[in-house]
Amino acid sequence: MGPTVRLYYDTVVAIALMAVFAIVCGFVAAVITGGSPPNFTIAGIAFLLAGAVWFFRLWRNSQASGHPPA
């Protein structure tokens, strides 16, 4: 049960980091564009891009290497 709880904990932390990243991007977009409606779109795109990058990194790290175990 320990590894399962750790997986859920890591997932919650990753989602929280993605949400903070998206909110910060939304605020930056609001400063740049003057508070126009595309801010939510920009924040959503940042959220999805961060998730895609972290998913790719997880996928790359979980691949078994081509070398046999020592």
Protein backbone atom coordinates (compact mmCIF):
# COMPACT_ATOMS: atom_id res chain seq x y z
CA MET A 1 0.00 0.00 0.00
CA GLY A 2 2.95 2.34 0.55
CA PRO A 3 3.93 2.72 -3.12
CA THR A 4 0.30 3.39 -4.07
CA VAL A 5 -0.03 6.20 -1.52
CA ARG A 6 3.28 7.64 -2.74
CA LEU A 7 1.99 7.62 -6.32
CA TYR A 8 -1.16 9.52 -5.31
CA TYR A 9 0.91 11.99 -3.30
CA ASP A 10 3.23 12.62 -6.25
CA THR A 11 0.20 13.08 -8.52
CA VAL A 12 -1.38 15.65 -6.20
CA VAL A 13 1.91 17.55 -5.96
CA ALA A 14 2.34 17.54 -9.76
CA ILE A 15 -1.20 18.81 -10.33
CA ALA A 16 -0.70 21.53 -7.72
CA LEU A 17 2.54 22.63 -9.38
CA MET A 18 0.86 22.68 -12.79
CA ALA A 19 -2.02 24.77 -11.42
CA VAL A 20 0.36 27.29 -9.84
CA PHE A 21 2.34 27.46 -13.10
CA ALA A 22 -0.87 28.08 -15.07
CA ILE A 23 -2.03 30.77 -12.63
CA VAL A 24 1.33 32.55 -12.84
CA CYS A 25 1.18 32.40 -16.64
CA GLY A 26 -2.32 33.85 -16.51
CA PHE A 27 -1.14 36.76 -14.37
CA VAL A 28 1.80 37.39 -16.69
CA ALA A 29 -0.57 37.31 -19.66
CA ALA A 30 -2.89 39.76 -17.85
CA VAL A 31 0.00 42.17 -17.35
CA ILE A 32 1.10 41.86 -20.98
CA THR A 33 -2.35 42.04 -22.60
CA GLY A 34 -3.95 44.43 -20.11
CA GLY A 35 -6.51 42.04 -18.64
CA SER A 36 -8.22 40.92 -21.83
CA PRO A 37 -10.20 37.62 -22.00
CA PRO A 38 -7.47 35.39 -23.57
CA ASN A 39 -5.79 35.06 -20.16
CA PHE A 40 -7.74 31.91 -19.29
CA THR A 41 -6.81 30.40 -22.63
CA ILE A 42 -3.14 31.17 -22.09
CA ALA A 43 -3.25 29.75 -18.57
CA GLY A 44 -4.98 26.60 -19.86
CA ILE A 45 -2.39 26.16 -22.59
CA ALA A 46 0.40 26.58 -20.02
CA PHE A 47 -1.30 23.98 -17.80
CA LEU A 48 -1.52 21.48 -20.67
CA LEU A 49 2.04 22.12 -21.85
CA ALA A 50 3.43 21.67 -18.34
CA GLY A 51 1.50 18.41 -18.02
CA ALA A 52 2.76 17.20 -21.38
CA VAL A 53 6.38 17.99 -20.49
CA TRP A 54 6.15 16.27 -17.11
CA PHE A 55 4.39 13.27 -18.64
CA PHE A 56 7.14 13.00 -21.26
CA ARG A 57 9.83 13.18 -18.58
CA LEU A 58 8.06 10.50 -16.53
CA TRP A 59 7.75 8.31 -19.61
CA ARG A 60 11.46 8.77 -20.46
CA ASN A 61 12.54 7.98 -16.89
CA SER A 62 10.37 4.88 -16.67
CA GLN A 63 11.81 3.26 -19.79
CA ALA A 64 14.13 0.34 -19.13
CA SER A 65 17.63 0.86 -20.39
CA GLY A 66 19.10 -1.35 -23.06
CA HIS A 67 21.83 -2.58 -20.73
CA PRO A 68 21.31 -5.80 -18.75
CA PRO A 69 21.25 -5.42 -14.96
CA ALA A 70 24.65 -5.79 -13.29
